[in-house]
Amino acid sequence: MEHITFDQLPAVVAEIRDRLARIESSLNLINPINPSEVKNPLMTITEASDFLNLAKSTIYGMVCRNEIPVSKKGKKLYFDREELTYWVKKGRRKTTDEIQLEAEGYLNKFSKRRW
């Protein structure tokens, strides 16, 4: 690594700042950050409807049947973004290959000979 003198320091810091700005802009192109997601993890019924791509009436029915994670304060419903993401991922169905591997593992576990 090259030694930097005190006189070179302002130019080096400016170069680092420019590089960092380019890196940030590149990252934002890859995965843009929605400021509302960072500031407020709680969503209203309308935001949850948009997030899940479901009708409000469908979400109200799921809330009534306790099928979806929700918080209620007074008459307002609030949905946590992380809880909804986990809830959706929890409903993932296994592929045929995953089921086959699981079945083989189960059978191998109990088919070992015991002497």
PDB file of N, CA and C in Angstrom:
ATOM      1  N   MET A   1       0.841  -1.179   0.000  1.00  0.00           N
ATOM      2  CA  MET A   1       0.000   0.000   0.000  1.00  0.00           C
ATOM      3  C   MET A   1       0.885   1.240   0.000  1.00  0.00           C
ATOM      4  N   GLU A   2       0.491   2.195  -0.741  1.00  0.00           N
ATOM      5  CA  GLU A   2       1.233   3.442  -0.893  1.00  0.00           C
ATOM      6  C   GLU A   2       1.045   4.331   0.339  1.00  0.00           C
ATOM      7  N   HIS A   3       2.135   4.962   0.794  1.00  0.00           N
ATOM      8  CA  HIS A   3       2.047   5.870   1.938  1.00  0.00           C
ATOM      9  C   HIS A   3       1.492   7.208   1.458  1.00  0.00           C
ATOM     10  N   ILE A   4       0.609   7.769   2.236  1.00  0.00           N
ATOM     11  CA  ILE A   4      -0.038   9.023   1.882  1.00  0.00           C
ATOM     12  C   ILE A   4       0.523  10.122   2.783  1.00  0.00           C
ATOM     13  N   THR A   5       0.892  11.208   2.172  1.00  0.00           N
ATOM     14  CA  THR A   5       1.387  12.345   2.953  1.00  0.00           C
ATOM     15  C   THR A   5       0.216  13.214   3.381  1.00  0.00           C
ATOM     16  N   PHE A   6       0.478  14.095   4.313  1.00  0.00           N
ATOM     17  CA  PHE A   6      -0.560  14.982   4.812  1.00  0.00           C
ATOM     18  C   PHE A   6      -1.095  15.891   3.703  1.00  0.00           C
ATOM     19  N   ASP A   7      -0.240  16.294   2.812  1.00  0.00           N
ATOM     20  CA  ASP A   7      -0.662  17.160   1.704  1.00  0.00           C
ATOM     21  C   ASP A   7      -1.571  16.428   0.722  1.00  0.00           C
ATOM     22  N   GLN A   8      -1.412  15.123   0.586  1.00  0.00           N
ATOM     23  CA  GLN A   8      -2.220  14.327  -0.347  1.00  0.00           C
ATOM     24  C   GLN A   8      -3.574  13.942   0.252  1.00  0.00           C
ATOM     25  N   LEU A   9      -3.720  14.086   1.549  1.00  0.00           N
ATOM     26  CA  LEU A   9      -4.912  13.615   2.251  1.00  0.00           C
ATOM     27  C   LEU A   9      -6.225  14.173   1.690  1.00  0.00           C
ATOM     28  N   PRO A  10      -6.381  15.462   1.441  1.00  0.00           N
ATOM     29  CA  PRO A  10      -7.660  15.947   0.895  1.00  0.00           C
ATOM     30  C   PRO A  10      -8.021  15.310  -0.447  1.00  0.00           C
ATOM     31  N   ALA A  11      -7.043  15.115  -1.324  1.00  0.00           N
ATOM     32  CA  ALA A  11      -7.325  14.504  -2.624  1.00  0.00           C
ATOM     33  C   ALA A  11      -7.728  13.047  -2.458  1.00  0.00           C
ATOM     34  N   VAL A  12      -7.084  12.333  -1.544  1.00  0.00           N
ATOM     35  CA  VAL A  12      -7.397  10.922  -1.312  1.00  0.00           C
ATOM     36  C   VAL A  12      -8.799  10.784  -0.727  1.00  0.00           C
ATOM     37  N   VAL A  13      -9.143  11.646   0.225  1.00  0.00           N
ATOM     38  CA  VAL A  13     -10.483  11.590   0.829  1.00  0.00           C
ATOM     39  C   VAL A  13     -11.545  11.891  -0.229  1.00  0.00           C
ATOM     40  N   ALA A  14     -11.294  12.848  -1.095  1.00  0.00           N
ATOM     41  CA  ALA A  14     -12.239  13.169  -2.167  1.00  0.00           C
ATOM     42  C   ALA A  14     -12.418  11.979  -3.105  1.00  0.00           C
ATOM     43  N   GLU A  15     -11.329  11.303  -3.426  1.00  0.00           N
ATOM     44  CA  GLU A  15     -11.415  10.119  -4.296  1.00  0.00           C
ATOM     45  C   GLU A  15     -12.213   9.007  -3.626  1.00  0.00           C
ATOM     46  N   ILE A  16     -11.978   8.801  -2.344  1.00  0.00           N
ATOM     47  CA  ILE A  16     -12.722   7.773  -1.597  1.00  0.00           C
ATOM     48  C   ILE A  16     -14.207   8.119  -1.581  1.00  0.00           C
ATOM     49  N   ARG A  17     -14.529   9.412  -1.359  1.00  0.00           N
ATOM     50  CA  ARG A  17     -15.924   9.841  -1.340  1.00  0.00           C
ATOM     51  C   ARG A  17     -16.597   9.600  -2.693  1.00  0.00           C
ATOM     52  N   ASP A  18     -15.888   9.894  -3.772  1.00  0.00           N
ATOM     53  CA  ASP A  18     -16.440   9.672  -5.112  1.00  0.00           C
ATOM     54  C   ASP A  18     -16.658   8.188  -5.384  1.00  0.00           C
ATOM     55  N   ARG A  19     -15.700   7.378  -4.992  1.00  0.00           N
ATOM     56  CA  ARG A  19     -15.843   5.927  -5.191  1.00  0.00           C
ATOM     57  C   ARG A  19     -17.031   5.388  -4.391  1.00  0.00           C
ATOM     58  N   LEU A  20     -17.160   5.856  -3.165  1.00  0.00           N
ATOM     59  CA  LEU A  20     -18.274   5.408  -2.331  1.00  0.00           C
ATOM     60  C   LEU A  20     -19.611   5.803  -2.950  1.00  0.00           C
ATOM     61  N   ALA A  21     -19.700   7.001  -3.490  1.00  0.00           N
ATOM     62  CA  ALA A  21     -20.933   7.450  -4.141  1.00  0.00           C
ATOM     63  C   ALA A  21     -21.269   6.574  -5.338  1.00  0.00           C
ATOM     64  N   ARG A  22     -20.258   6.193  -6.116  1.00  0.00           N
ATOM     65  CA  ARG A  22     -20.492   5.314  -7.273  1.00  0.00           C
ATOM     66  C   ARG A  22     -20.941   3.932  -6.809  1.00  0.00           C
ATOM     67  N   ILE A  23     -20.345   3.426  -5.738  1.00  0.00           N
ATOM     68  CA  ILE A  23     -20.737   2.111  -5.210  1.00  0.00           C
ATOM     69  C   ILE A  23     -22.186   2.150  -4.728  1.00  0.00           C
ATOM     70  N   GLU A  24     -22.547   3.198  -3.996  1.00  0.00           N
ATOM     71  CA  GLU A  24     -23.921   3.320  -3.504  1.00  0.00           C
ATOM     72  C   GLU A  24     -24.925   3.404  -4.642  1.00  0.00           C
ATOM     73  N   SER A  25     -24.605   4.169  -5.665  1.00  0.00           N
ATOM     74  CA  SER A  25     -25.543   4.284  -6.786  1.00  0.00           C
ATOM     75  C   SER A  25     -25.665   2.962  -7.531  1.00  0.00           C
ATOM     76  N   SER A  26     -24.571   2.217  -7.639  1.00  0.00           N
ATOM     77  CA  SER A  26     -24.634   0.902  -8.279  1.00  0.00           C
ATOM     78  C   SER A  26     -25.483  -0.063  -7.463  1.00  0.00           C
ATOM     79  N   LEU A  27     -25.323  -0.035  -6.145  1.00  0.00           N
ATOM     80  CA  LEU A  27     -26.113  -0.906  -5.279  1.00  0.00           C
ATOM     81  C   LEU A  27     -27.594  -0.548  -5.328  1.00  0.00           C
ATOM     82  N   ASN A  28     -27.903   0.742  -5.406  1.00  0.00           N
ATOM     83  CA  ASN A  28     -29.301   1.155  -5.496  1.00  0.00           C
ATOM     84  C   ASN A  28     -29.941   0.719  -6.804  1.00  0.00           C
ATOM     85  N   LEU A  29     -29.153   0.607  -7.866  1.00  0.00           N
ATOM     86  CA  LEU A  29     -29.690   0.097  -9.127  1.00  0.00           C
ATOM     87  C   LEU A  29     -30.010  -1.382  -9.011  1.00  0.00           C
ATOM     88  N   ILE A  30     -29.176  -2.108  -8.279  1.00  0.00           N
ATOM     89  CA  ILE A  30     -29.384  -3.544  -8.105  1.00  0.00           C
ATOM     90  C   ILE A  30     -30.559  -3.813  -7.180  1.00  0.00           C
ATOM     91  N   ASN A  31     -30.577  -3.154  -6.025  1.00  0.00           N
ATOM     92  CA  ASN A  31     -31.613  -3.397  -5.023  1.00  0.00           C
ATOM     93  C   ASN A  31     -32.047  -2.054  -4.432  1.00  0.00           C
ATOM     94  N   PRO A  32     -32.997  -1.375  -5.064  1.00  0.00           N
ATOM     95  CA  PRO A  32     -33.403  -0.063  -4.561  1.00  0.00           C
ATOM     96  C   PRO A  32     -34.059  -0.163  -3.186  1.00  0.00           C
ATOM     97  N   ILE A  33     -33.744   0.790  -2.332  1.00  0.00           N
ATOM     98  CA  ILE A  33     -34.302   0.824  -0.985  1.00  0.00           C
ATOM     99  C   ILE A  33     -35.477   1.789  -0.988  1.00  0.00           C
ATOM    100  N   ASN A  34     -36.595   1.281  -0.526  1.00  0.00           N
ATOM    101  CA  ASN A  34     -37.779   2.112  -0.396  1.00  0.00           C
ATOM    102  C   ASN A  34     -37.728   2.770   0.988  1.00  0.00           C
ATOM    103  N   PRO A  35     -37.604   4.097   1.077  1.00  0.00           N
ATOM    104  CA  PRO A  35     -37.477   4.748   2.380  1.00  0.00           C
ATOM    105  C   PRO A  35     -38.623   4.441   3.336  1.00  0.00           C
ATOM    106  N   SER A  36     -39.823   4.240   2.837  1.00  0.00           N
ATOM    107  CA  SER A  36     -40.944   3.933   3.718  1.00  0.00           C
ATOM    108  C   SER A  36     -40.774   2.577   4.389  1.00  0.00           C
ATOM    109  N   GLU A  37     -40.082   1.640   3.723  1.00  0.00           N
ATOM    110  CA  GLU A  37     -39.841   0.330   4.321  1.00  0.00           C
ATOM    111  C   GLU A  37     -38.863   0.435   5.481  1.00  0.00           C
ATOM    112  N   VAL A  38     -37.885   1.308   5.374  1.00  0.00           N
ATOM    113  CA  VAL A  38     -36.872   1.444   6.405  1.00  0.00           C
ATOM    114  C   VAL A  38     -37.432   2.167   7.620  1.00  0.00           C
ATOM    115  N   LYS A  39     -38.177   3.254   7.396  1.00  0.00           N
ATOM    116  CA  LYS A  39     -38.667   4.079   8.491  1.00  0.00           C
ATOM    117  C   LYS A  39     -39.834   3.446   9.230  1.00  0.00           C
ATOM    118  N   ASN A  40     -40.739   2.801   8.502  1.00  0.00           N
ATOM    119  CA  ASN A  40     -41.955   2.305   9.125  1.00  0.00           C
ATOM    120  C   ASN A  40     -42.195   0.845   8.746  1.00  0.00           C
ATOM    121  N   PRO A  41     -41.810  -0.078   9.626  1.00  0.00           N
ATOM    122  CA  PRO A  41     -42.029  -1.487   9.304  1.00  0.00           C
ATOM    123  C   PRO A  41     -43.493  -1.916   9.419  1.00  0.00           C
ATOM    124  N   LEU A  42     -44.334  -1.075  10.056  1.00  0.00           N
ATOM    125  CA  LEU A  42     -45.754  -1.406  10.185  1.00  0.00           C
ATOM    126  C   LEU A  42     -46.515  -0.891   8.973  1.00  0.00           C
ATOM    127  N   MET A  43     -47.473  -1.688   8.538  1.00  0.00           N
ATOM    128  CA  MET A  43     -48.263  -1.335   7.362  1.00  0.00           C
ATOM    129  C   MET A  43     -49.739  -1.303   7.723  1.00  0.00           C
ATOM    130  N   THR A  44     -50.477  -0.485   7.016  1.00  0.00           N
ATOM    131  CA  THR A  44     -51.927  -0.460   7.145  1.00  0.00           C
ATOM    132  C   THR A  44     -52.504  -1.577   6.278  1.00  0.00           C
ATOM    133  N   ILE A  45     -53.807  -1.725   6.316  1.00  0.00           N
ATOM    134  CA  ILE A  45     -54.468  -2.748   5.508  1.00  0.00           C
ATOM    135  C   ILE A  45     -54.246  -2.496   4.017  1.00  0.00           C
ATOM    136  N   THR A  46     -54.234  -1.242   3.609  1.00  0.00           N
ATOM    137  CA  THR A  46     -54.015  -0.911   2.200  1.00  0.00           C
ATOM    138  C   THR A  46     -52.601  -1.279   1.765  1.00  0.00           C
ATOM    139  N   GLU A  47     -51.617  -0.932   2.599  1.00  0.00           N
ATOM    140  CA  GLU A  47     -50.229  -1.260   2.275  1.00  0.00           C
ATOM    141  C   GLU A  47     -50.007  -2.772   2.279  1.00  0.00           C
ATOM    142  N   ALA A  48     -50.619  -3.470   3.237  1.00  0.00           N
ATOM    143  CA  ALA A  48     -50.502  -4.924   3.285  1.00  0.00           C
ATOM    144  C   ALA A  48     -51.150  -5.553   2.055  1.00  0.00           C
ATOM    145  N   SER A  49     -52.260  -4.986   1.628  1.00  0.00           N
ATOM    146  CA  SER A  49     -52.942  -5.477   0.432  1.00  0.00           C
ATOM    147  C   SER A  49     -52.044  -5.337  -0.793  1.00  0.00           C
ATOM    148  N   ASP A  50     -51.385  -4.193  -0.920  1.00  0.00           N
ATOM    149  CA  ASP A  50     -50.457  -3.991  -2.038  1.00  0.00           C
ATOM    150  C   ASP A  50     -49.239  -4.911  -1.917  1.00  0.00           C
ATOM    151  N   PHE A  51     -48.714  -5.051  -0.702  1.00  0.00           N
ATOM    152  CA  PHE A  51     -47.530  -5.866  -0.451  1.00  0.00           C
ATOM    153  C   PHE A  51     -47.784  -7.338  -0.800  1.00  0.00           C
ATOM    154  N   LEU A  52     -48.955  -7.854  -0.400  1.00  0.00           N
ATOM    155  CA  LEU A  52     -49.284  -9.262  -0.630  1.00  0.00           C
ATOM    156  C   LEU A  52     -50.000  -9.497  -1.954  1.00  0.00           C
ATOM    157  N   ASN A  53     -50.384  -8.428  -2.614  1.00  0.00           N
ATOM    158  CA  ASN A  53     -51.127  -8.516  -3.864  1.00  0.00           C
ATOM    159  C   ASN A  53     -52.441  -9.276  -3.658  1.00  0.00           C
ATOM    160  N   LEU A  54     -53.128  -8.923  -2.582  1.00  0.00           N
ATOM    161  CA  LEU A  54     -54.423  -9.507  -2.248  1.00  0.00           C
ATOM    162  C   LEU A  54     -55.439  -8.383  -2.055  1.00  0.00           C
ATOM    163  N   ALA A  55     -56.696  -8.706  -2.257  1.00  0.00           N
ATOM    164  CA  ALA A  55     -57.755  -7.727  -2.031  1.00  0.00           C
ATOM    165  C   ALA A  55     -57.909  -7.467  -0.535  1.00  0.00           C
ATOM    166  N   LYS A  56     -58.353  -6.261  -0.204  1.00  0.00           N
ATOM    167  CA  LYS A  56     -58.577  -5.933   1.206  1.00  0.00           C
ATOM    168  C   LYS A  56     -59.580  -6.894   1.844  1.00  0.00           C
ATOM    169  N   SER A  57     -60.620  -7.220   1.112  1.00  0.00           N
ATOM    170  CA  SER A  57     -61.642  -8.125   1.667  1.00  0.00           C
ATOM    171  C   SER A  57     -61.058  -9.493   1.984  1.00  0.00           C
ATOM    172  N   THR A  58     -60.110  -9.954   1.161  1.00  0.00           N
ATOM    173  CA  THR A  58     -59.453 -11.233   1.415  1.00  0.00           C
ATOM    174  C   THR A  58     -58.642 -11.156   2.700  1.00  0.00           C
ATOM    175  N   ILE A  59     -57.942 -10.049   2.883  1.00  0.00           N
ATOM    176  CA  ILE A  59     -57.132  -9.885   4.092  1.00  0.00           C
ATOM    177  C   ILE A  59     -58.029  -9.782   5.323  1.00  0.00           C
ATOM    178  N   TYR A  60     -59.133  -9.037   5.225  1.00  0.00           N
ATOM    179  CA  TYR A  60     -60.067  -8.950   6.354  1.00  0.00           C
ATOM    180  C   TYR A  60     -60.581 -10.339   6.739  1.00  0.00           C
ATOM    181  N   GLY A  61     -60.890 -11.168   5.743  1.00  0.00           N
ATOM    182  CA  GLY A  61     -61.350 -12.532   6.025  1.00  0.00           C
ATOM    183  C   GLY A  61     -60.270 -13.363   6.702  1.00  0.00           C
ATOM    184  N   MET A  62     -59.034 -13.224   6.253  1.00  0.00           N
ATOM    185  CA  MET A  62     -57.928 -13.961   6.868  1.00  0.00           C
ATOM    186  C   MET A  62     -57.693 -13.505   8.305  1.00  0.00           C
ATOM    187  N   VAL A  63     -57.854 -12.202   8.553  1.00  0.00           N
ATOM    188  CA  VAL A  63     -57.711 -11.684   9.915  1.00  0.00           C
ATOM    189  C   VAL A  63     -58.807 -12.270  10.797  1.00  0.00           C
ATOM    190  N   CYS A  64     -60.014 -12.317  10.279  1.00  0.00           N
ATOM    191  CA  CYS A  64     -61.151 -12.844  11.035  1.00  0.00           C
ATOM    192  C   CYS A  64     -60.956 -14.313  11.398  1.00  0.00           C
ATOM    193  N   ARG A  65     -60.326 -15.075  10.505  1.00  0.00           N
ATOM    194  CA  ARG A  65     -60.075 -16.510  10.743  1.00  0.00           C
ATOM    195  C   ARG A  65     -58.723 -16.768  11.408  1.00  0.00           C
ATOM    196  N   ASN A  66     -58.032 -15.702  11.835  1.00  0.00           N
ATOM    197  CA  ASN A  66     -56.709 -15.805  12.472  1.00  0.00           C
ATOM    198  C   ASN A  66     -55.704 -16.548  11.608  1.00  0.00           C
ATOM    199  N   GLU A  67     -55.720 -16.303  10.320  1.00  0.00           N
ATOM    200  CA  GLU A  67     -54.811 -16.967   9.386  1.00  0.00           C
ATOM    201  C   GLU A  67     -53.588 -16.127   9.055  1.00  0.00           C
ATOM    202  N   ILE A  68     -53.590 -14.862   9.432  1.00  0.00           N
ATOM    203  CA  ILE A  68     -52.523 -13.946   9.044  1.00  0.00           C
ATOM    204  C   ILE A  68     -52.073 -13.178  10.289  1.00  0.00           C
ATOM    205  N   PRO A  69     -50.755 -12.938  10.444  1.00  0.00           N
ATOM    206  CA  PRO A  69     -50.297 -12.196  11.624  1.00  0.00           C
ATOM    207  C   PRO A  69     -50.703 -10.719  11.546  1.00  0.00           C
ATOM    208  N   VAL A  70     -51.333 -10.247  12.600  1.00  0.00           N
ATOM    209  CA  VAL A  70     -51.852  -8.884  12.617  1.00  0.00           C
ATOM    210  C   VAL A  70     -51.836  -8.348  14.046  1.00  0.00           C
ATOM    211  N   SER A  71     -51.719  -7.035  14.170  1.00  0.00           N
ATOM    212  CA  SER A  71     -51.871  -6.350  15.457  1.00  0.00           C
ATOM    213  C   SER A  71     -53.050  -5.402  15.315  1.00  0.00           C
ATOM    214  N   LYS A  72     -53.809  -5.283  16.390  1.00  0.00           N
ATOM    215  CA  LYS A  72     -54.984  -4.416  16.328  1.00  0.00           C
ATOM    216  C   LYS A  72     -54.914  -3.430  17.480  1.00  0.00           C
ATOM    217  N   LYS A  73     -55.054  -2.167  17.162  1.00  0.00           N
ATOM    218  CA  LYS A  73     -55.100  -1.099  18.162  1.00  0.00           C
ATOM    219  C   LYS A  73     -56.360  -0.302  17.890  1.00  0.00           C
ATOM    220  N   GLY A  74     -57.326  -0.464  18.758  1.00  0.00           N
ATOM    221  CA  GLY A  74     -58.621   0.177  18.522  1.00  0.00           C
ATOM    222  C   GLY A  74     -59.296  -0.485  17.331  1.00  0.00           C
ATOM    223  N   LYS A  75     -59.660   0.299  16.337  1.00  0.00           N
ATOM    224  CA  LYS A  75     -60.285  -0.247  15.129  1.00  0.00           C
ATOM    225  C   LYS A  75     -59.296  -0.422  13.987  1.00  0.00           C
ATOM    226  N   LYS A  76     -58.045  -0.061  14.222  1.00  0.00           N
ATOM    227  CA  LYS A  76     -57.023  -0.112  13.170  1.00  0.00           C
ATOM    228  C   LYS A  76     -56.278  -1.442  13.204  1.00  0.00           C
ATOM    229  N   LEU A  77     -55.981  -1.953  12.013  1.00  0.00           N
ATOM    230  CA  LEU A  77     -55.172  -3.158  11.867  1.00  0.00           C
ATOM    231  C   LEU A  77     -53.785  -2.757  11.395  1.00  0.00           C
ATOM    232  N   TYR A  78     -52.759  -3.375  11.983  1.00  0.00           N
ATOM    233  CA  TYR A  78     -51.378  -3.105  11.603  1.00  0.00           C
ATOM    234  C   TYR A  78     -50.689  -4.417  11.288  1.00  0.00           C
ATOM    235  N   PHE A  79     -49.910  -4.405  10.217  1.00  0.00           N
ATOM    236  CA  PHE A  79     -49.195  -5.591   9.770  1.00  0.00           C
ATOM    237  C   PHE A  79     -47.699  -5.297   9.780  1.00  0.00           C
ATOM    238  N   ASP A  80     -46.928  -6.187  10.356  1.00  0.00           N
ATOM    239  CA  ASP A  80     -45.474  -6.041  10.368  1.00  0.00           C
ATOM    240  C   ASP A  80     -44.914  -6.651   9.086  1.00  0.00           C
ATOM    241  N   ARG A  81     -44.084  -5.896   8.391  1.00  0.00           N
ATOM    242  CA  ARG A  81     -43.527  -6.328   7.098  1.00  0.00           C
ATOM    243  C   ARG A  81     -42.751  -7.646   7.239  1.00  0.00           C
ATOM    244  N   GLU A  82     -41.912  -7.755   8.280  1.00  0.00           N
ATOM    245  CA  GLU A  82     -41.118  -8.972   8.470  1.00  0.00           C
ATOM    246  C   GLU A  82     -41.997 -10.175   8.778  1.00  0.00           C
ATOM    247  N   GLU A  83     -43.020  -9.970   9.624  1.00  0.00           N
ATOM    248  CA  GLU A  83     -43.925 -11.078   9.945  1.00  0.00           C
ATOM    249  C   GLU A  83     -44.674 -11.562   8.712  1.00  0.00           C
ATOM    250  N   LEU A  84     -45.114 -10.630   7.870  1.00  0.00           N
ATOM    251  CA  LEU A  84     -45.816 -11.031   6.644  1.00  0.00           C
ATOM    252  C   LEU A  84     -44.879 -11.771   5.697  1.00  0.00           C
ATOM    253  N   THR A  85     -43.640 -11.305   5.590  1.00  0.00           N
ATOM    254  CA  THR A  85     -42.668 -11.988   4.733  1.00  0.00           C
ATOM    255  C   THR A  85     -42.425 -13.404   5.239  1.00  0.00           C
ATOM    256  N   TYR A  86     -42.245 -13.557   6.548  1.00  0.00           N
ATOM    257  CA  TYR A  86     -42.051 -14.891   7.140  1.00  0.00           C
ATOM    258  C   TYR A  86     -43.285 -15.754   6.921  1.00  0.00           C
ATOM    259  N   TRP A  87     -44.460 -15.191   7.098  1.00  0.00           N
ATOM    260  CA  TRP A  87     -45.712 -15.922   6.933  1.00  0.00           C
ATOM    261  C   TRP A  87     -45.847 -16.452   5.502  1.00  0.00           C
ATOM    262  N   VAL A  88     -45.493 -15.623   4.531  1.00  0.00           N
ATOM    263  CA  VAL A  88     -45.573 -16.052   3.132  1.00  0.00           C
ATOM    264  C   VAL A  88     -44.556 -17.164   2.872  1.00  0.00           C
ATOM    265  N   LYS A  89     -43.334 -16.993   3.361  1.00  0.00           N
ATOM    266  CA  LYS A  89     -42.293 -18.000   3.133  1.00  0.00           C
ATOM    267  C   LYS A  89     -42.603 -19.309   3.844  1.00  0.00           C
ATOM    268  N   LYS A  90     -43.285 -19.231   4.985  1.00  0.00           N
ATOM    269  CA  LYS A  90     -43.646 -20.430   5.735  1.00  0.00           C
ATOM    270  C   LYS A  90     -44.624 -21.303   4.956  1.00  0.00           C
ATOM    271  N   GLY A  91     -45.387 -20.693   4.073  1.00  0.00           N
ATOM    272  CA  GLY A  91     -46.368 -21.428   3.292  1.00  0.00           C
ATOM    273  C   GLY A  91     -45.794 -22.073   2.037  1.00  0.00           C
ATOM    274  N   ARG A  92     -44.474 -22.031   1.906  1.00  0.00           N
ATOM    275  CA  ARG A  92     -43.819 -22.596   0.722  1.00  0.00           C
ATOM    276  C   ARG A  92     -44.049 -24.109   0.662  1.00  0.00           C
ATOM    277  N   ARG A  93     -44.365 -24.580  -0.517  1.00  0.00           N
ATOM    278  CA  ARG A  93     -44.554 -26.018  -0.718  1.00  0.00           C
ATOM    279  C   ARG A  93     -43.254 -26.647  -1.180  1.00  0.00           C
ATOM    280  N   LYS A  94     -43.024 -27.853  -0.721  1.00  0.00           N
ATOM    281  CA  LYS A  94     -41.809 -28.572  -1.098  1.00  0.00           C
ATOM    282  C   LYS A  94     -41.945 -29.114  -2.515  1.00  0.00           C
ATOM    283  N   THR A  95     -40.802 -29.181  -3.193  1.00  0.00           N
ATOM    284  CA  THR A  95     -40.796 -29.762  -4.528  1.00  0.00           C
ATOM    285  C   THR A  95     -40.841 -31.275  -4.414  1.00  0.00           C
ATOM    286  N   THR A  96     -41.113 -31.939  -5.513  1.00  0.00           N
ATOM    287  CA  THR A  96     -41.150 -33.401  -5.521  1.00  0.00           C
ATOM    288  C   THR A  96     -39.800 -33.973  -5.112  1.00  0.00           C
ATOM    289  N   ASP A  97     -38.725 -33.364  -5.584  1.00  0.00           N
ATOM    290  CA  ASP A  97     -37.384 -33.836  -5.222  1.00  0.00           C
ATOM    291  C   ASP A  97     -37.125 -33.693  -3.728  1.00  0.00           C
ATOM    292  N   GLU A  98     -37.557 -32.592  -3.132  1.00  0.00           N
ATOM    293  CA  GLU A  98     -37.370 -32.391  -1.695  1.00  0.00           C
ATOM    294  C   GLU A  98     -38.160 -33.420  -0.893  1.00  0.00           C
ATOM    295  N   ILE A  99     -39.373 -33.715  -1.317  1.00  0.00           N
ATOM    296  CA  ILE A  99     -40.191 -34.714  -0.633  1.00  0.00           C
ATOM    297  C   ILE A  99     -39.544 -36.087  -0.759  1.00  0.00           C
ATOM    298  N   GLN A 100     -39.037 -36.402  -1.956  1.00  0.00           N
ATOM    299  CA  GLN A 100     -38.378 -37.690  -2.190  1.00  0.00           C
ATOM    300  C   GLN A 100     -37.154 -37.846  -1.275  1.00  0.00           C
ATOM    301  N   LEU A 101     -36.321 -36.805  -1.201  1.00  0.00           N
ATOM    302  CA  LEU A 101     -35.134 -36.864  -0.341  1.00  0.00           C
ATOM    303  C   LEU A 101     -35.513 -37.012   1.126  1.00  0.00           C
ATOM    304  N   GLU A 102     -36.547 -36.321   1.542  1.00  0.00           N
ATOM    305  CA  GLU A 102     -37.010 -36.419   2.923  1.00  0.00           C
ATOM    306  C   GLU A 102     -37.516 -37.831   3.228  1.00  0.00           C
ATOM    307  N   ALA A 103     -38.254 -38.422   2.290  1.00  0.00           N
ATOM    308  CA  ALA A 103     -38.770 -39.777   2.478  1.00  0.00           C
ATOM    309  C   ALA A 103     -37.630 -40.784   2.532  1.00  0.00           C
ATOM    310  N   GLU A 104     -36.642 -40.636   1.648  1.00  0.00           N
ATOM    311  CA  GLU A 104     -35.500 -41.546   1.658  1.00  0.00           C
ATOM    312  C   GLU A 104     -34.720 -41.440   2.964  1.00  0.00           C
ATOM    313  N   GLY A 105     -34.545 -40.224   3.453  1.00  0.00           N
ATOM    314  CA  GLY A 105     -33.857 -40.027   4.731  1.00  0.00           C
ATOM    315  C   GLY A 105     -34.617 -40.677   5.869  1.00  0.00           C
ATOM    316  N   TYR A 106     -35.937 -40.550   5.853  1.00  0.00           N
ATOM    317  CA  TYR A 106     -36.764 -41.158   6.893  1.00  0.00           C
ATOM    318  C   TYR A 106     -36.658 -42.681   6.845  1.00  0.00           C
ATOM    319  N   LEU A 107     -36.753 -43.239   5.627  1.00  0.00           N
ATOM    320  CA  LEU A 107     -36.667 -44.695   5.496  1.00  0.00           C
ATOM    321  C   LEU A 107     -35.285 -45.211   5.880  1.00  0.00           C
ATOM    322  N   ASN A 108     -34.244 -44.496   5.490  1.00  0.00           N
ATOM    323  CA  ASN A 108     -32.887 -44.915   5.854  1.00  0.00           C
ATOM    324  C   ASN A 108     -32.667 -44.860   7.356  1.00  0.00           C
ATOM    325  N   LYS A 109     -33.303 -43.948   8.010  1.00  0.00           N
ATOM    326  CA  LYS A 109     -33.149 -43.791   9.449  1.00  0.00           C
ATOM    327  C   LYS A 109     -33.698 -45.007  10.196  1.00  0.00           C
ATOM    328  N   PHE A 110     -34.798 -45.569   9.707  1.00  0.00           N
ATOM    329  CA  PHE A 110     -35.438 -46.672  10.407  1.00  0.00           C
ATOM    330  C   PHE A 110     -35.183 -48.038   9.774  1.00  0.00           C
ATOM    331  N   SER A 111     -34.519 -48.085   8.638  1.00  0.00           N
ATOM    332  CA  SER A 111     -34.303 -49.378   7.994  1.00  0.00           C
ATOM    333  C   SER A 111     -32.937 -49.976   8.320  1.00  0.00           C
ATOM    334  N   LYS A 112     -32.155 -49.331   9.162  1.00  0.00           N
ATOM    335  CA  LYS A 112     -30.857 -49.875   9.535  1.00  0.00           C
ATOM    336  C   LYS A 112     -31.050 -51.113  10.395  1.00  0.00           C
ATOM    337  N   ARG A 113     -30.218 -52.097  10.112  1.00  0.00           N
ATOM    338  CA  ARG A 113     -30.320 -53.342  10.886  1.00  0.00           C
ATOM    339  C   ARG A 113     -29.747 -53.134  12.287  1.00  0.00           C
ATOM    340  N   ARG A 114     -30.404 -53.706  13.220  1.00  0.00           N
ATOM    341  CA  ARG A 114     -29.940 -53.617  14.603  1.00  0.00           C
ATOM    342  C   ARG A 114     -29.615 -55.036  15.076  1.00  0.00           C
ATOM    343  N   TRP A 115     -28.376 -55.221  15.381  1.00  0.00           N
ATOM    344  CA  TRP A 115     -27.937 -56.555  15.813  1.00  0.00           C
ATOM    345  C   TRP A 115     -27.799 -56.637  17.288  1.00  0.00           C
TER     346      TRP A 115
END
